[in-house]
Amino acid sequence: MAETPAVSIIIPVKPGGRVSALSRLPAVEYPSPSIEVIVAEGRQPSLQRNRAAGAAQGEILYFLDDDSQSSADFLSRTVRHYTDPSVGAVGGPSLTPDSDSILQHSFSLAFTSPFGGGGMRNRYRQTGAVRETRDSELILCNLSFRRDLFIAYGGFDERLYPNEENELMERIRRGGGRLIHDPGLAVYRSQRPTLAAFCRQLFGYGRGRGEQTVLSGVVKPVTFVPTLFLLYLLSLPLAHKAVYYLPLLCYLVVTAGSAVNAVFRSGRPASAALLPVVLPLFHLCYGAGMVKGLVSPRWKGGRSAAGGVTLRRVKEFGKEWEPESRDSGLV
C-alpha cells in the first residue's frame, strides 16, 4: 500500500438531503489528490453504499453518515492502521456533541451505560487504547474498509438495514481479517431530537439485529435479553404470586443504580435523571424490534434491493463543495 493511499469517502443521503459532514472535510490533513468524496443519494443506504463503493477509486473506503463531524486527522490516523495487510476494517466511536439537549444527552448516557449499550457501548464513548475488536465496537457512521477486501466479500448484504456492517464484519473476521477500534478516531453526531425518534431508532436497531440473526443463522444470546424482558412484562398480568415480581424489582433497582452512576460518570445530573424512563424504553423498543425482525424479515415481505441511486462526486477541497454533473451511468 502506498504511503498516502487514495481514500474514497462515501456518504449516503436521502434525495435532496443536507450533507453537513462535508463542512468539516476541507480542513482534513491529508493530500487532496488522494481523496475523493462520493455522495450517494437514494432511499436504501446499504444499496447506496455498495453502488458508491463500486464506483470508488480509492484503496480505502471510508463511510460517514451525512451528519458525521470528523476531525482533521481522521484520514491520516486511519491509513496508518492499514499498513498491516491483515487489517480489513478500521473505525472509531460516535460521540455526542456538548451542544445537544438534556434529553439527547440522556440518550447518550443510555447508549454508554453497561445496562443500556452493554457490549456495544464503546461505539459511543472514547475509552481504552487502539485494539483488535469485533463488530460490537464499530459503527457504520465512522467506519472504513480495505476496498479490495470489501469488493471480494460482496460488500454489504442489501437485504439488511441497519446491521449490514455487522454482518459484513463478521464475515471478514471469520475469513481472517482483523477489525481495529481506534478510540481517537472519533466523529461527533447529535442524538435523536425527541423521545419518539429515539424509540423508532431502537426499534430499528432491534429489527436489524433480528433480521441479521435470521439471515446469518448466528445466535448471540445477549441480544435476546431485551426481548425476554418484554415477554416477561407482558406475562405479568397472569402472575398470581408475589415472587414473580422479583425480576421487575431487580430491574428497577439496577435502573436506578445506573442513573446514579451516570451522574458521577457524566457530570450531567439532569440527563441522568431521565434514565429511569429512557432505559426501559431503550430495552422494550429494542426487544419489540427484535421480535419483528425475527418473525417478519423485510426481504421475505417482497422488499427488494431495487431503487434509484444517484452518485455525485464533490469538487476540490477548499472550494464550495458543489456537486459535479451526475454520473448517470452509475444510477
Protein backbone atom coordinates (compact mmCIF):
# COMPACT_ATOMS: atom_id res chain seq x y z
CA MET A 1 0.00 0.00 0.00
CA ALA A 2 1.24 3.49 -0.86
CA GLU A 3 2.44 5.80 1.93
CA THR A 4 -0.59 8.01 1.29
CA PRO A 5 -3.13 5.60 -0.22
CA ALA A 6 -6.10 7.03 -2.06
CA VAL A 7 -9.20 7.22 0.13
CA SER A 8 -12.81 7.33 -1.06
CA ILE A 9 -15.16 8.94 1.44
CA ILE A 10 -18.71 7.67 0.90
CA ILE A 11 -21.75 9.42 2.35
CA PRO A 12 -25.32 8.16 1.79
CA VAL A 13 -28.16 10.67 1.96
CA LYS A 14 -31.85 10.84 1.16
CA PRO A 15 -32.69 12.62 -2.11
CA GLY A 16 -32.28 16.33 -1.58
CA GLY A 17 -30.93 15.80 1.94
CA ARG A 18 -28.40 18.07 3.61
CA VAL A 19 -24.88 16.68 3.97
CA SER A 20 -23.40 18.59 6.90
CA ALA A 21 -20.48 16.14 7.05
CA LEU A 22 -18.97 17.93 4.07
CA SER A 23 -18.40 21.13 6.05
CA ARG A 24 -15.55 19.54 8.04
CA LEU A 25 -13.71 17.93 5.14
CA PRO A 26 -11.88 20.99 3.73
CA ALA A 27 -9.79 21.05 6.94
CA VAL A 28 -8.67 17.43 6.61
CA GLU A 29 -4.92 16.91 6.96
CA TYR A 30 -4.36 14.61 4.01
CA PRO A 31 -3.18 15.23 0.43
CA SER A 32 -6.18 16.42 -1.59
CA PRO A 33 -5.22 14.47 -4.75
CA SER A 34 -5.51 11.26 -2.70
CA ILE A 35 -9.09 11.92 -1.61
CA GLU A 36 -12.39 11.58 -3.40
CA VAL A 37 -15.80 12.20 -1.88
CA ILE A 38 -18.88 10.45 -3.23
CA VAL A 39 -22.37 11.38 -2.05
CA ALA A 40 -24.84 8.58 -2.80
CA GLU A 41 -28.47 9.72 -2.96
CA GLY A 42 -31.24 7.19 -2.54
CA ARG A 43 -33.61 5.57 -0.10
CA GLN A 44 -31.78 2.36 0.79
CA PRO A 45 -28.45 3.07 2.49
CA SER A 46 -26.89 -0.37 2.11
CA LEU A 47 -27.55 -0.25 -1.63
CA GLN A 48 -26.29 3.34 -1.85
CA ARG A 49 -23.04 2.46 -0.11
CA ASN A 50 -22.47 -0.56 -2.33
CA ARG A 51 -23.04 1.43 -5.52
CA ALA A 52 -20.64 4.12 -4.35
CA ALA A 53 -18.03 1.53 -3.36
CA GLY A 54 -18.26 0.01 -6.82
CA ALA A 55 -17.56 3.39 -8.41
CA ALA A 56 -14.86 4.41 -5.93
CA GLN A 57 -11.22 4.67 -6.93
CA GLY A 58 -9.57 4.70 -3.52
CA GLU A 59 -7.70 1.85 -1.86
CA ILE A 60 -9.58 2.64 1.35
CA LEU A 61 -13.35 3.16 1.60
CA TYR A 62 -14.35 5.46 4.43
CA PHE A 63 -18.07 5.51 5.28
CA LEU A 64 -19.53 8.54 7.03
CA ASP A 65 -23.15 9.48 7.69
CA ASP A 66 -24.47 12.73 6.33
CA ASP A 67 -24.10 14.39 9.76
CA SER A 68 -20.77 12.84 10.86
CA GLN A 69 -18.46 15.61 12.07
CA SER A 70 -14.92 14.32 11.58
CA SER A 71 -11.57 15.54 12.92
CA ALA A 72 -8.78 16.99 10.78
CA ASP A 73 -6.53 13.95 11.23
CA PHE A 74 -9.09 11.20 10.74
CA LEU A 75 -7.73 10.01 7.39
CA SER A 76 -4.04 10.09 8.29
CA ARG A 77 -4.85 8.28 11.54
CA THR A 78 -6.89 5.65 9.70
CA VAL A 79 -4.44 4.78 6.94
CA ARG A 80 -1.66 4.07 9.45
CA HIS A 81 -3.60 1.03 10.60
CA TYR A 82 -3.78 -0.34 7.06
CA THR A 83 -0.01 -0.72 6.79
CA ASP A 84 -0.72 -4.10 8.37
CA PRO A 85 -2.07 -6.18 5.45
CA SER A 86 -4.19 -8.32 7.78
CA VAL A 87 -6.37 -5.33 8.77
CA GLY A 88 -9.69 -5.35 6.94
CA ALA A 89 -11.67 -2.62 8.72
CA VAL A 90 -10.90 0.34 10.98
CA GLY A 91 -13.30 2.57 12.87
CA GLY A 92 -13.89 4.66 15.95
CA PRO A 93 -16.69 5.91 18.17
CA SER A 94 -19.56 8.29 17.50
CA LEU A 95 -19.69 10.89 20.28
CA THR A 96 -22.48 13.22 21.35
CA PRO A 97 -21.73 16.96 20.99
CA ASP A 98 -21.86 19.11 24.12
CA SER A 99 -24.40 21.30 22.34
CA ASP A 100 -27.05 18.54 22.39
CA SER A 101 -30.05 18.99 24.68
CA ILE A 102 -30.56 17.46 28.13
CA LEU A 103 -32.84 14.84 26.56
CA GLN A 104 -30.32 13.99 23.85
CA HIS A 105 -27.58 13.56 26.45
CA SER A 106 -29.84 11.18 28.36
CA PHE A 107 -29.97 9.04 25.20
CA SER A 108 -26.18 9.20 25.05
CA LEU A 109 -25.93 8.08 28.67
CA ALA A 110 -28.20 5.13 27.89
CA PHE A 111 -26.00 4.07 24.95
CA THR A 112 -22.81 4.35 27.01
CA SER A 113 -24.24 2.62 30.10
CA PRO A 114 -23.35 -1.03 30.80
CA PHE A 115 -27.07 -1.56 31.41
CA GLY A 116 -28.04 0.14 28.17
CA GLY A 117 -25.46 -0.17 25.42
CA GLY A 118 -23.76 -3.09 27.15
CA GLY A 119 -21.14 -4.63 24.90
CA MET A 120 -21.89 -2.03 22.22
CA ARG A 121 -21.31 1.00 24.45
CA ASN A 122 -17.80 1.62 23.12
CA ARG A 123 -19.38 2.69 19.84
CA TYR A 124 -20.49 5.81 21.69
CA ARG A 125 -17.59 6.66 24.01
CA GLN A 126 -13.82 7.08 23.94
CA THR A 127 -12.12 4.55 26.15
CA GLY A 128 -9.02 2.40 26.18
CA ALA A 129 -6.28 2.06 23.60
CA VAL A 130 -6.23 1.02 19.95
CA ARG A 131 -7.21 -2.63 19.83
CA GLU A 132 -8.34 -5.52 17.68
CA THR A 133 -12.04 -5.95 18.17
CA ARG A 134 -15.31 -7.42 16.95
CA ASP A 135 -18.24 -5.74 15.22
CA SER A 136 -19.82 -4.76 18.55
CA GLU A 137 -17.39 -1.84 18.96
CA LEU A 138 -17.62 -0.45 15.42
CA ILE A 139 -20.33 1.73 13.89
CA LEU A 140 -21.05 2.49 10.24
CA CYS A 141 -21.22 6.28 10.58
CA ASN A 142 -17.45 6.17 11.22
CA LEU A 143 -16.02 3.08 9.58
CA SER A 144 -13.53 2.22 6.85
CA PHE A 145 -12.71 -0.90 4.85
CA ARG A 146 -9.91 -2.00 2.59
CA ARG A 147 -11.63 -1.67 -0.79
CA ASP A 148 -10.33 -4.85 -2.41
CA LEU A 149 -11.50 -6.85 0.59
CA PHE A 150 -14.88 -5.10 0.65
CA ILE A 151 -15.41 -5.97 -3.02
CA ALA A 152 -14.12 -9.53 -2.59
CA TYR A 153 -16.71 -10.16 0.14
CA GLY A 154 -19.51 -8.71 -1.99
CA GLY A 155 -19.97 -5.57 0.10
CA PHE A 156 -22.98 -5.10 2.34
CA ASP A 157 -25.89 -7.50 2.17
CA GLU A 158 -28.54 -5.21 0.72
CA ARG A 159 -31.32 -7.09 2.46
CA LEU A 160 -30.14 -5.59 5.73
CA TYR A 161 -30.53 -2.07 7.09
CA PRO A 162 -29.38 -1.49 9.74
CA ASN A 163 -26.82 -4.14 10.76
CA GLU A 164 -25.41 -4.51 7.27
CA GLU A 165 -21.96 -3.55 8.57
CA ASN A 166 -22.13 -6.05 11.44
CA GLU A 167 -22.93 -8.90 9.07
CA LEU A 168 -20.08 -7.95 6.72
CA MET A 169 -17.54 -7.50 9.51
CA GLU A 170 -18.41 -10.90 10.94
CA ARG A 171 -17.73 -12.48 7.54
CA ILE A 172 -14.42 -10.62 7.24
CA ARG A 173 -13.35 -11.62 10.74
CA ARG A 174 -14.23 -15.26 10.16
CA GLY A 175 -12.17 -15.10 6.98
CA GLY A 176 -9.10 -13.98 8.92
CA GLY A 177 -9.37 -10.21 8.51
CA ARG A 178 -8.70 -8.07 11.56
CA LEU A 179 -11.05 -5.35 12.81
CA ILE A 180 -9.47 -2.36 14.57
CA HIS A 181 -11.12 0.03 17.01
CA ASP A 182 -9.26 3.34 17.46
CA PRO A 183 -10.83 5.43 20.27
CA GLY A 184 -9.05 8.54 18.98
CA LEU A 185 -10.73 8.16 15.62
CA ALA A 186 -13.99 9.79 16.70
CA VAL A 187 -16.76 11.68 14.96
CA TYR A 188 -19.50 13.76 16.56
CA ARG A 189 -23.17 13.20 15.80
CA SER A 190 -26.24 14.51 17.56
CA GLN A 191 -28.60 12.04 19.21
CA ARG A 192 -32.23 11.83 18.09
CA PRO A 193 -34.07 15.06 18.97
CA THR A 194 -37.23 13.55 20.52
CA LEU A 195 -38.29 10.58 22.61
CA ALA A 196 -40.42 9.25 19.76
CA ALA A 197 -37.46 9.39 17.37
CA PHE A 198 -35.30 7.60 19.94
CA CYS A 199 -37.89 4.83 20.26
CA ARG A 200 -38.03 4.42 16.47
CA GLN A 201 -34.23 4.26 16.40
CA LEU A 202 -34.07 1.47 18.99
CA PHE A 203 -36.91 -0.44 17.34
CA GLY A 204 -34.97 -0.24 14.09
CA TYR A 205 -31.77 -1.44 15.76
CA GLY A 206 -33.62 -4.40 17.27
CA ARG A 207 -35.30 -5.23 13.98
CA GLY A 208 -31.97 -5.12 12.17
CA ARG A 209 -30.42 -7.47 14.72
CA GLY A 210 -33.35 -9.86 14.37
CA GLU A 211 -33.07 -9.85 10.58
CA GLN A 212 -29.31 -10.39 10.77
CA THR A 213 -29.90 -13.36 13.08
CA VAL A 214 -32.34 -14.94 10.61
CA LEU A 215 -30.06 -14.24 7.66
CA SER A 216 -26.79 -15.45 9.17
CA GLY A 217 -28.11 -18.16 11.48
CA VAL A 218 -25.70 -16.88 14.15
CA VAL A 219 -27.42 -16.51 17.52
CA LYS A 220 -25.95 -14.13 20.11
CA PRO A 221 -27.84 -14.89 23.32
CA VAL A 222 -27.27 -11.47 24.89
CA THR A 223 -29.20 -9.79 22.07
CA PHE A 224 -32.32 -11.70 23.12
CA VAL A 225 -32.35 -10.35 26.68
CA PRO A 226 -34.48 -7.25 25.87
CA THR A 227 -36.99 -9.48 24.08
CA LEU A 228 -37.19 -11.82 27.07
CA PHE A 229 -37.74 -8.82 29.33
CA LEU A 230 -40.56 -7.61 27.08
CA LEU A 231 -42.22 -11.02 27.13
CA TYR A 232 -41.81 -11.15 30.90
CA LEU A 233 -43.60 -7.81 31.31
CA LEU A 234 -46.42 -8.94 29.04
CA SER A 235 -46.88 -12.01 31.21
CA LEU A 236 -47.16 -10.07 34.47
CA PRO A 237 -50.99 -9.76 34.36
CA LEU A 238 -51.08 -13.57 34.58
CA ALA A 239 -48.90 -13.68 37.68
CA HIS A 240 -50.52 -14.89 40.91
CA LYS A 241 -47.53 -14.98 43.24
CA ALA A 242 -45.55 -12.05 44.58
CA VAL A 243 -42.25 -13.77 43.80
CA TYR A 244 -43.00 -13.38 40.09
CA TYR A 245 -42.46 -9.64 40.51
CA LEU A 246 -38.95 -10.05 41.91
CA PRO A 247 -37.20 -9.73 38.48
CA LEU A 248 -39.08 -6.48 37.89
CA LEU A 249 -37.97 -5.16 41.27
CA CYS A 250 -34.38 -6.09 40.46
CA TYR A 251 -34.68 -4.37 37.10
CA LEU A 252 -35.92 -1.16 38.71
CA VAL A 253 -33.12 -1.22 41.27
CA VAL A 254 -30.46 -1.66 38.57
CA THR A 255 -32.06 1.11 36.50
CA ALA A 256 -31.96 3.48 39.46
CA GLY A 257 -28.36 2.48 40.16
CA SER A 258 -27.45 3.17 36.53
CA ALA A 259 -28.93 6.64 36.82
CA VAL A 260 -26.93 7.38 39.98
CA ASN A 261 -23.76 6.04 38.38
CA ALA A 262 -24.39 8.20 35.31
CA VAL A 263 -24.46 11.33 37.47
CA PHE A 264 -20.87 10.73 38.58
CA ARG A 265 -19.73 9.30 35.26
CA SER A 266 -21.02 12.17 33.13
CA GLY A 267 -21.48 15.15 35.40
CA ARG A 268 -24.90 15.68 33.81
CA PRO A 269 -27.42 15.15 36.62
CA ALA A 270 -30.40 16.45 34.65
CA SER A 271 -29.77 13.98 31.81
CA ALA A 272 -29.05 11.13 34.22
CA ALA A 273 -32.35 11.81 36.00
CA LEU A 274 -34.17 10.83 32.79
CA LEU A 275 -32.58 7.38 32.62
CA PRO A 276 -35.32 5.64 34.68
CA VAL A 277 -37.60 6.46 31.73
CA VAL A 278 -35.09 6.22 28.88
CA LEU A 279 -33.55 2.84 29.81
CA PRO A 280 -36.84 0.89 29.91
CA LEU A 281 -37.83 2.41 26.58
CA PHE A 282 -34.39 1.50 25.24
CA HIS A 283 -34.86 -2.15 26.21
CA LEU A 284 -38.52 -2.51 25.29
CA CYS A 285 -38.24 -0.86 21.87
CA TYR A 286 -35.16 -2.90 21.01
CA GLY A 287 -36.88 -6.09 22.21
CA ALA A 288 -40.01 -5.36 20.17
CA GLY A 289 -37.91 -4.65 17.09
CA MET A 290 -36.03 -7.90 17.58
CA VAL A 291 -39.32 -9.82 17.57
CA LYS A 292 -40.39 -8.04 14.40
CA GLY A 293 -37.10 -8.82 12.67
CA LEU A 294 -37.16 -12.47 13.66
CA VAL A 295 -40.82 -13.06 12.75
CA SER A 296 -41.13 -10.85 9.69
CA PRO A 297 -37.83 -10.04 7.94
CA ARG A 298 -38.42 -7.31 5.41
CA TRP A 299 -36.91 -9.18 2.47
CA LYS A 300 -39.42 -12.00 2.97
CA GLY A 301 -42.19 -9.47 2.51
CA GLY A 302 -41.11 -8.73 -1.02
CA ARG A 303 -38.79 -5.80 -0.33
CA SER A 304 -36.10 -5.81 -2.97
CA ALA A 305 -32.80 -4.03 -3.30
CA ALA A 306 -34.08 -2.21 -6.37
CA GLY A 307 -34.21 1.54 -6.26
CA GLY A 308 -32.63 4.57 -7.81
CA VAL A 309 -29.20 5.60 -6.60
CA THR A 310 -27.55 8.76 -7.82
CA LEU A 311 -23.85 9.27 -7.23
CA ARG A 312 -22.31 12.70 -7.22
CA ARG A 313 -18.67 13.49 -6.74
CA VAL A 314 -17.78 16.52 -4.67
CA LYS A 315 -15.36 19.03 -6.16
CA GLU A 316 -11.96 20.05 -4.87
CA PHE A 317 -11.31 20.64 -1.21
CA GLY A 318 -11.43 24.23 -0.07
CA LYS A 319 -13.99 25.14 -2.72
CA GLU A 320 -17.75 25.44 -2.32
CA TRP A 321 -18.49 21.72 -2.25
CA GLU A 322 -20.74 21.91 -5.27
CA PRO A 323 -21.61 18.57 -6.90
CA GLU A 324 -20.25 17.74 -10.30
CA SER A 325 -22.62 16.61 -13.01
CA ARG A 326 -24.44 13.46 -12.02
CA ASP A 327 -22.95 10.10 -13.01
CA SER A 328 -25.98 8.83 -14.92
CA GLY A 329 -24.14 5.67 -15.88
CA LEU A 330 -23.98 4.69 -12.21
CA VAL A 331 -27.67 5.16 -11.42
